[in-house]
N, C-alpha and C. Protein backbone atom coordinates (compact mmCIF):
# COMPACT_ATOMS: atom_id res chain seq x y z
N MET A 1 0.83 -1.19 0.00
CA MET A 1 0.00 0.00 0.00
C MET A 1 0.87 1.25 0.00
N THR A 2 0.41 2.29 -0.64
CA THR A 2 1.12 3.55 -0.66
C THR A 2 0.71 4.39 0.54
N ALA A 3 1.49 5.44 0.81
CA ALA A 3 1.15 6.35 1.91
C ALA A 3 -0.23 6.96 1.67
N LYS A 4 -0.52 7.33 0.43
CA LYS A 4 -1.82 7.93 0.11
C LYS A 4 -2.95 6.95 0.39
N GLU A 5 -2.77 5.68 0.00
CA GLU A 5 -3.80 4.67 0.26
C GLU A 5 -4.03 4.47 1.75
N ILE A 6 -2.94 4.46 2.52
CA ILE A 6 -3.05 4.31 3.97
C ILE A 6 -3.78 5.52 4.57
N ILE A 7 -3.40 6.73 4.15
CA ILE A 7 -4.05 7.94 4.65
C ILE A 7 -5.54 7.93 4.29
N ASP A 8 -5.85 7.54 3.07
CA ASP A 8 -7.27 7.46 2.67
C ASP A 8 -8.03 6.49 3.58
N ARG A 9 -7.39 5.36 3.88
CA ARG A 9 -8.03 4.36 4.74
C ARG A 9 -8.20 4.88 6.17
N LEU A 10 -7.14 5.51 6.71
CA LEU A 10 -7.22 6.06 8.06
C LEU A 10 -8.26 7.19 8.13
N THR A 11 -8.33 7.99 7.07
CA THR A 11 -9.32 9.08 7.03
C THR A 11 -10.73 8.51 7.08
N LYS A 12 -10.98 7.48 6.28
CA LYS A 12 -12.31 6.87 6.25
C LYS A 12 -12.65 6.24 7.60
N LEU A 13 -11.70 5.50 8.17
CA LEU A 13 -11.96 4.80 9.43
C LEU A 13 -12.13 5.75 10.61
N SER A 14 -11.45 6.91 10.58
CA SER A 14 -11.50 7.83 11.71
C SER A 14 -12.58 8.90 11.55
N GLU A 15 -13.21 8.95 10.39
CA GLU A 15 -14.22 9.98 10.13
C GLU A 15 -15.33 9.96 11.18
N GLY A 16 -15.52 11.10 11.84
CA GLY A 16 -16.58 11.22 12.83
C GLY A 16 -16.24 10.66 14.20
N LEU A 17 -15.10 9.98 14.35
CA LEU A 17 -14.70 9.46 15.66
C LEU A 17 -14.06 10.56 16.48
N LEU A 18 -14.39 10.61 17.75
CA LEU A 18 -13.76 11.54 18.68
C LEU A 18 -13.07 10.72 19.76
N PHE A 19 -11.80 11.05 20.01
CA PHE A 19 -11.04 10.31 21.03
C PHE A 19 -11.37 10.92 22.39
N PRO A 20 -11.93 10.12 23.30
CA PRO A 20 -12.38 10.66 24.59
C PRO A 20 -11.25 10.81 25.60
N SER A 21 -11.31 11.89 26.33
CA SER A 21 -10.51 12.11 27.53
C SER A 21 -11.39 13.02 28.38
N GLU A 22 -10.84 14.04 29.01
CA GLU A 22 -11.69 14.98 29.73
C GLU A 22 -12.43 15.88 28.73
N SER A 23 -12.05 15.77 27.48
CA SER A 23 -12.74 16.41 26.37
C SER A 23 -12.67 15.41 25.23
N GLU A 24 -13.26 15.72 24.11
CA GLU A 24 -13.18 14.81 22.96
C GLU A 24 -12.62 15.56 21.76
N TYR A 25 -11.65 14.94 21.10
CA TYR A 25 -11.02 15.55 19.93
C TYR A 25 -11.03 14.57 18.77
N PRO A 26 -11.10 15.10 17.54
CA PRO A 26 -11.05 14.22 16.38
C PRO A 26 -9.65 13.63 16.18
N LEU A 27 -9.59 12.62 15.34
CA LEU A 27 -8.32 12.01 14.92
C LEU A 27 -8.02 12.56 13.53
N GLU A 28 -6.88 13.22 13.40
CA GLU A 28 -6.52 13.88 12.15
C GLU A 28 -5.38 13.13 11.46
N PRO A 29 -5.62 12.56 10.27
CA PRO A 29 -4.56 11.87 9.54
C PRO A 29 -3.49 12.84 9.05
N PHE A 30 -2.26 12.36 8.95
CA PHE A 30 -1.17 13.18 8.42
C PHE A 30 -0.16 12.30 7.69
N THR A 31 0.64 12.95 6.83
CA THR A 31 1.77 12.31 6.15
C THR A 31 2.97 13.23 6.29
N TRP A 32 4.10 12.66 6.67
CA TRP A 32 5.36 13.40 6.69
C TRP A 32 6.28 12.72 5.68
N LYS A 33 6.63 13.42 4.63
CA LYS A 33 7.44 12.86 3.55
C LYS A 33 8.90 12.71 3.98
N SER A 34 9.49 11.59 3.62
CA SER A 34 10.92 11.31 3.85
C SER A 34 11.38 11.73 5.24
N ALA A 35 10.72 11.24 6.24
CA ALA A 35 11.05 11.60 7.63
C ALA A 35 11.50 10.35 8.39
N THR A 36 12.34 10.58 9.39
CA THR A 36 12.82 9.51 10.25
C THR A 36 11.99 9.52 11.53
N LEU A 37 11.55 8.36 11.96
CA LEU A 37 10.70 8.27 13.15
C LEU A 37 11.55 8.30 14.41
N ASN A 38 11.58 9.49 15.04
CA ASN A 38 12.25 9.65 16.32
C ASN A 38 11.63 10.84 17.04
N ARG A 39 12.03 11.04 18.28
CA ARG A 39 11.45 12.10 19.10
C ARG A 39 11.67 13.49 18.49
N LYS A 40 12.86 13.71 17.94
CA LYS A 40 13.15 15.03 17.35
C LYS A 40 12.21 15.32 16.19
N THR A 41 11.99 14.34 15.32
CA THR A 41 11.06 14.53 14.20
C THR A 41 9.67 14.86 14.70
N ILE A 42 9.20 14.13 15.72
CA ILE A 42 7.86 14.36 16.26
C ILE A 42 7.75 15.80 16.77
N LEU A 43 8.72 16.24 17.57
CA LEU A 43 8.67 17.59 18.11
C LEU A 43 8.73 18.64 17.00
N THR A 44 9.59 18.42 16.02
CA THR A 44 9.72 19.37 14.91
C THR A 44 8.43 19.45 14.11
N GLN A 45 7.89 18.30 13.73
CA GLN A 45 6.66 18.27 12.94
C GLN A 45 5.47 18.85 13.72
N ALA A 46 5.49 18.69 15.04
CA ALA A 46 4.41 19.22 15.88
C ALA A 46 4.58 20.71 16.16
N GLY A 47 5.75 21.26 15.80
CA GLY A 47 6.01 22.67 16.05
C GLY A 47 6.23 22.96 17.53
N LYS A 48 6.77 21.99 18.24
CA LYS A 48 6.98 22.13 19.69
C LYS A 48 8.45 22.37 20.00
N PRO A 49 8.76 23.10 21.08
CA PRO A 49 10.14 23.30 21.48
C PRO A 49 10.80 21.99 21.92
N ALA A 50 12.12 21.93 21.79
CA ALA A 50 12.88 20.72 22.13
C ALA A 50 12.67 20.29 23.58
N LYS A 51 12.35 21.22 24.47
CA LYS A 51 12.19 20.88 25.89
C LYS A 51 10.80 20.36 26.24
N THR A 52 9.90 20.25 25.25
CA THR A 52 8.54 19.75 25.48
C THR A 52 8.60 18.33 26.03
N PRO A 53 7.87 18.05 27.12
CA PRO A 53 7.83 16.66 27.63
C PRO A 53 7.25 15.74 26.55
N ILE A 54 7.93 14.62 26.33
CA ILE A 54 7.47 13.65 25.33
C ILE A 54 7.60 12.26 25.92
N GLU A 55 6.55 11.48 25.75
CA GLU A 55 6.52 10.12 26.29
C GLU A 55 6.05 9.17 25.20
N ALA A 56 6.72 8.04 25.08
CA ALA A 56 6.30 7.00 24.13
C ALA A 56 5.49 5.96 24.90
N ILE A 57 4.34 5.58 24.32
CA ILE A 57 3.52 4.54 24.91
C ILE A 57 3.15 3.53 23.82
N ALA A 58 2.66 2.39 24.23
CA ALA A 58 2.25 1.35 23.27
C ALA A 58 0.91 1.71 22.64
N LEU A 59 0.74 1.33 21.39
CA LEU A 59 -0.52 1.54 20.68
C LEU A 59 -1.68 0.94 21.48
N GLU A 60 -1.47 -0.27 21.99
CA GLU A 60 -2.51 -0.96 22.76
C GLU A 60 -2.90 -0.18 24.01
N GLU A 61 -1.93 0.46 24.65
CA GLU A 61 -2.20 1.26 25.85
C GLU A 61 -3.09 2.45 25.52
N LEU A 62 -2.81 3.12 24.42
CA LEU A 62 -3.62 4.26 24.01
C LEU A 62 -5.06 3.84 23.70
N PHE A 63 -5.18 2.73 22.95
CA PHE A 63 -6.50 2.32 22.47
C PHE A 63 -7.31 1.50 23.47
N ALA A 64 -6.69 0.96 24.52
CA ALA A 64 -7.40 0.07 25.46
C ALA A 64 -8.73 0.65 25.96
N PRO A 65 -8.77 1.92 26.38
CA PRO A 65 -10.05 2.43 26.90
C PRO A 65 -11.15 2.55 25.85
N VAL A 66 -10.80 2.64 24.58
CA VAL A 66 -11.82 2.88 23.55
C VAL A 66 -12.19 1.63 22.76
N VAL A 67 -11.45 0.55 22.92
CA VAL A 67 -11.75 -0.68 22.16
C VAL A 67 -12.38 -1.77 23.02
N THR A 68 -12.44 -1.56 24.32
CA THR A 68 -12.96 -2.56 25.24
C THR A 68 -14.45 -2.35 25.48
N ASP A 69 -15.25 -3.35 25.13
CA ASP A 69 -16.69 -3.27 25.39
C ASP A 69 -16.95 -3.33 26.89
N GLN A 70 -17.90 -2.55 27.33
CA GLN A 70 -18.31 -2.52 28.74
C GLN A 70 -19.72 -3.10 28.87
N ASP A 71 -20.05 -3.60 30.06
CA ASP A 71 -21.38 -4.16 30.32
C ASP A 71 -22.49 -3.16 30.05
N TRP A 72 -22.24 -1.91 30.34
CA TRP A 72 -23.27 -0.88 30.23
C TRP A 72 -23.40 -0.30 28.81
N PHE A 73 -22.57 -0.79 27.87
CA PHE A 73 -22.63 -0.27 26.49
C PHE A 73 -23.98 -0.55 25.85
N GLU A 74 -24.46 0.45 25.13
CA GLU A 74 -25.61 0.26 24.27
C GLU A 74 -25.08 -0.03 22.87
N ASP A 75 -25.98 -0.32 21.93
CA ASP A 75 -25.55 -0.67 20.57
C ASP A 75 -24.64 0.39 19.96
N ALA A 76 -24.97 1.66 20.15
CA ALA A 76 -24.16 2.74 19.57
C ALA A 76 -22.76 2.74 20.16
N ASP A 77 -22.63 2.46 21.46
CA ASP A 77 -21.33 2.40 22.11
C ASP A 77 -20.50 1.24 21.58
N ARG A 78 -21.15 0.09 21.38
CA ARG A 78 -20.45 -1.08 20.83
C ARG A 78 -19.98 -0.81 19.40
N GLU A 79 -20.80 -0.08 18.64
CA GLU A 79 -20.42 0.27 17.26
C GLU A 79 -19.19 1.18 17.25
N ILE A 80 -19.15 2.15 18.16
CA ILE A 80 -17.99 3.05 18.25
C ILE A 80 -16.75 2.27 18.65
N ALA A 81 -16.87 1.38 19.64
CA ALA A 81 -15.73 0.56 20.05
C ALA A 81 -15.21 -0.28 18.88
N GLN A 82 -16.13 -0.84 18.07
CA GLN A 82 -15.72 -1.62 16.91
C GLN A 82 -14.99 -0.75 15.90
N ARG A 83 -15.46 0.46 15.71
CA ARG A 83 -14.79 1.38 14.78
C ARG A 83 -13.37 1.68 15.26
N PHE A 84 -13.20 1.86 16.57
CA PHE A 84 -11.85 2.07 17.12
C PHE A 84 -10.99 0.82 16.94
N ARG A 85 -11.57 -0.37 17.11
CA ARG A 85 -10.82 -1.61 16.88
C ARG A 85 -10.36 -1.70 15.43
N ASP A 86 -11.27 -1.37 14.50
CA ASP A 86 -10.91 -1.39 13.07
C ASP A 86 -9.79 -0.40 12.78
N LEU A 87 -9.86 0.77 13.40
CA LEU A 87 -8.82 1.79 13.21
C LEU A 87 -7.49 1.31 13.77
N GLN A 88 -7.51 0.72 14.97
CA GLN A 88 -6.29 0.21 15.58
C GLN A 88 -5.66 -0.87 14.70
N THR A 89 -6.48 -1.75 14.15
CA THR A 89 -5.99 -2.81 13.26
C THR A 89 -5.32 -2.22 12.03
N ALA A 90 -5.92 -1.19 11.44
CA ALA A 90 -5.35 -0.55 10.26
C ALA A 90 -4.01 0.10 10.58
N ILE A 91 -3.93 0.77 11.71
CA ILE A 91 -2.67 1.41 12.12
C ILE A 91 -1.59 0.37 12.35
N ALA A 92 -1.96 -0.75 12.93
CA ALA A 92 -1.00 -1.80 13.25
C ALA A 92 -0.36 -2.42 12.01
N THR A 93 -0.94 -2.18 10.82
CA THR A 93 -0.34 -2.71 9.60
C THR A 93 0.87 -1.89 9.15
N LEU A 94 1.06 -0.70 9.73
CA LEU A 94 2.22 0.12 9.39
C LEU A 94 3.48 -0.46 10.03
N GLU A 95 4.62 -0.07 9.48
CA GLU A 95 5.90 -0.52 10.05
C GLU A 95 6.25 0.36 11.25
N ASN A 96 6.82 -0.27 12.29
CA ASN A 96 7.40 0.45 13.42
C ASN A 96 6.42 1.46 14.04
N VAL A 97 5.21 1.05 14.32
CA VAL A 97 4.20 1.97 14.88
C VAL A 97 4.62 2.40 16.29
N GLN A 98 4.55 3.71 16.52
CA GLN A 98 4.86 4.26 17.83
C GLN A 98 3.83 5.33 18.17
N VAL A 99 3.58 5.50 19.46
CA VAL A 99 2.66 6.53 19.94
C VAL A 99 3.44 7.46 20.84
N PHE A 100 3.33 8.76 20.56
CA PHE A 100 4.03 9.77 21.34
C PHE A 100 3.02 10.73 21.96
N ARG A 101 3.21 11.01 23.25
CA ARG A 101 2.39 11.99 23.98
C ARG A 101 3.28 13.20 24.24
N LEU A 102 2.84 14.38 23.79
CA LEU A 102 3.62 15.60 23.94
C LEU A 102 2.91 16.57 24.87
N GLY A 103 3.61 16.99 25.91
CA GLY A 103 3.07 17.98 26.82
C GLY A 103 2.40 17.38 28.04
N LYS A 104 1.84 18.27 28.84
CA LYS A 104 1.12 17.90 30.06
C LYS A 104 -0.23 18.60 30.04
N VAL A 105 -1.22 18.04 30.62
CA VAL A 105 -2.60 18.52 30.71
C VAL A 105 -3.26 18.49 29.33
N GLU A 106 -2.88 19.41 28.43
CA GLU A 106 -3.37 19.36 27.05
C GLU A 106 -2.29 18.64 26.24
N ILE A 107 -2.51 17.37 25.98
CA ILE A 107 -1.49 16.48 25.43
C ILE A 107 -1.76 16.21 23.95
N ASP A 108 -0.80 16.56 23.12
CA ASP A 108 -0.89 16.19 21.70
C ASP A 108 -0.41 14.75 21.57
N VAL A 109 -1.21 13.93 20.90
CA VAL A 109 -0.86 12.52 20.72
C VAL A 109 -0.65 12.27 19.24
N TYR A 110 0.50 11.69 18.92
CA TYR A 110 0.84 11.32 17.55
C TYR A 110 0.99 9.81 17.47
N ILE A 111 0.17 9.18 16.65
CA ILE A 111 0.24 7.75 16.39
C ILE A 111 0.91 7.65 15.02
N VAL A 112 2.14 7.14 14.99
CA VAL A 112 2.96 7.24 13.78
C VAL A 112 3.53 5.89 13.39
N GLY A 113 3.51 5.62 12.08
CA GLY A 113 4.15 4.42 11.54
C GLY A 113 4.77 4.76 10.20
N ALA A 114 5.61 3.87 9.73
CA ALA A 114 6.32 4.10 8.47
C ALA A 114 5.66 3.33 7.34
N ILE A 115 5.70 3.94 6.16
CA ILE A 115 5.33 3.28 4.92
C ILE A 115 6.39 3.71 3.92
N GLY A 116 7.32 2.83 3.66
CA GLY A 116 8.47 3.20 2.83
C GLY A 116 9.30 4.25 3.55
N LYS A 117 9.60 5.36 2.86
CA LYS A 117 10.40 6.43 3.46
C LYS A 117 9.55 7.50 4.13
N ASP A 118 8.24 7.34 4.06
CA ASP A 118 7.33 8.33 4.63
C ASP A 118 6.78 7.85 5.96
N LEU A 119 6.36 8.82 6.76
CA LEU A 119 5.67 8.53 8.02
C LEU A 119 4.22 8.95 7.87
N VAL A 120 3.33 8.12 8.34
CA VAL A 120 1.90 8.43 8.29
C VAL A 120 1.30 8.11 9.65
N GLY A 121 0.17 8.72 9.92
CA GLY A 121 -0.48 8.42 11.18
C GLY A 121 -1.64 9.33 11.47
N LEU A 122 -1.95 9.40 12.76
CA LEU A 122 -3.07 10.18 13.24
C LEU A 122 -2.61 11.04 14.41
N LYS A 123 -3.20 12.23 14.51
CA LYS A 123 -2.94 13.12 15.63
C LYS A 123 -4.27 13.38 16.31
N THR A 124 -4.22 13.44 17.63
CA THR A 124 -5.38 13.86 18.42
C THR A 124 -4.88 14.59 19.65
N THR A 125 -5.79 15.04 20.47
CA THR A 125 -5.45 15.75 21.70
C THR A 125 -6.19 15.09 22.85
N LEU A 126 -5.50 14.92 23.96
CA LEU A 126 -6.09 14.42 25.20
C LEU A 126 -6.01 15.53 26.24
N ILE A 127 -7.03 15.66 27.06
CA ILE A 127 -7.01 16.57 28.18
C ILE A 127 -6.98 15.74 29.45
N GLU A 128 -5.93 15.91 30.26
CA GLU A 128 -5.76 15.16 31.51
C GLU A 128 -5.36 16.13 32.61
N THR A 129 -6.30 16.45 33.48
CA THR A 129 -5.98 17.38 34.57
C THR A 129 -5.79 16.64 35.87
């Protein structure tokens, strides 16, 4: 698959989904051409200063709260959880998938993987007070 095909797929799968935290934010697909996946690239592409707190977490850790069905879920909730599972599966097909959390309280989250020489993924924001 090409980077464009992956982005098209991620765009379709994430359309209308909001990632929950203390607020809800959309998942925004992105492509970074000929980029190396490391902390410096993430900070540079995010437009953040080098001293910005950055933490790497597992894809499964990020998605665990949104892909797990709960006893109290109604049909709509189960459908949203399934959509997040489908999105997680699509992201997992990328090479070297990593999740980076930038900042404190208002946290920019970058879910990034490689496709050839390009990096593709999704960005969202979490609010944690």
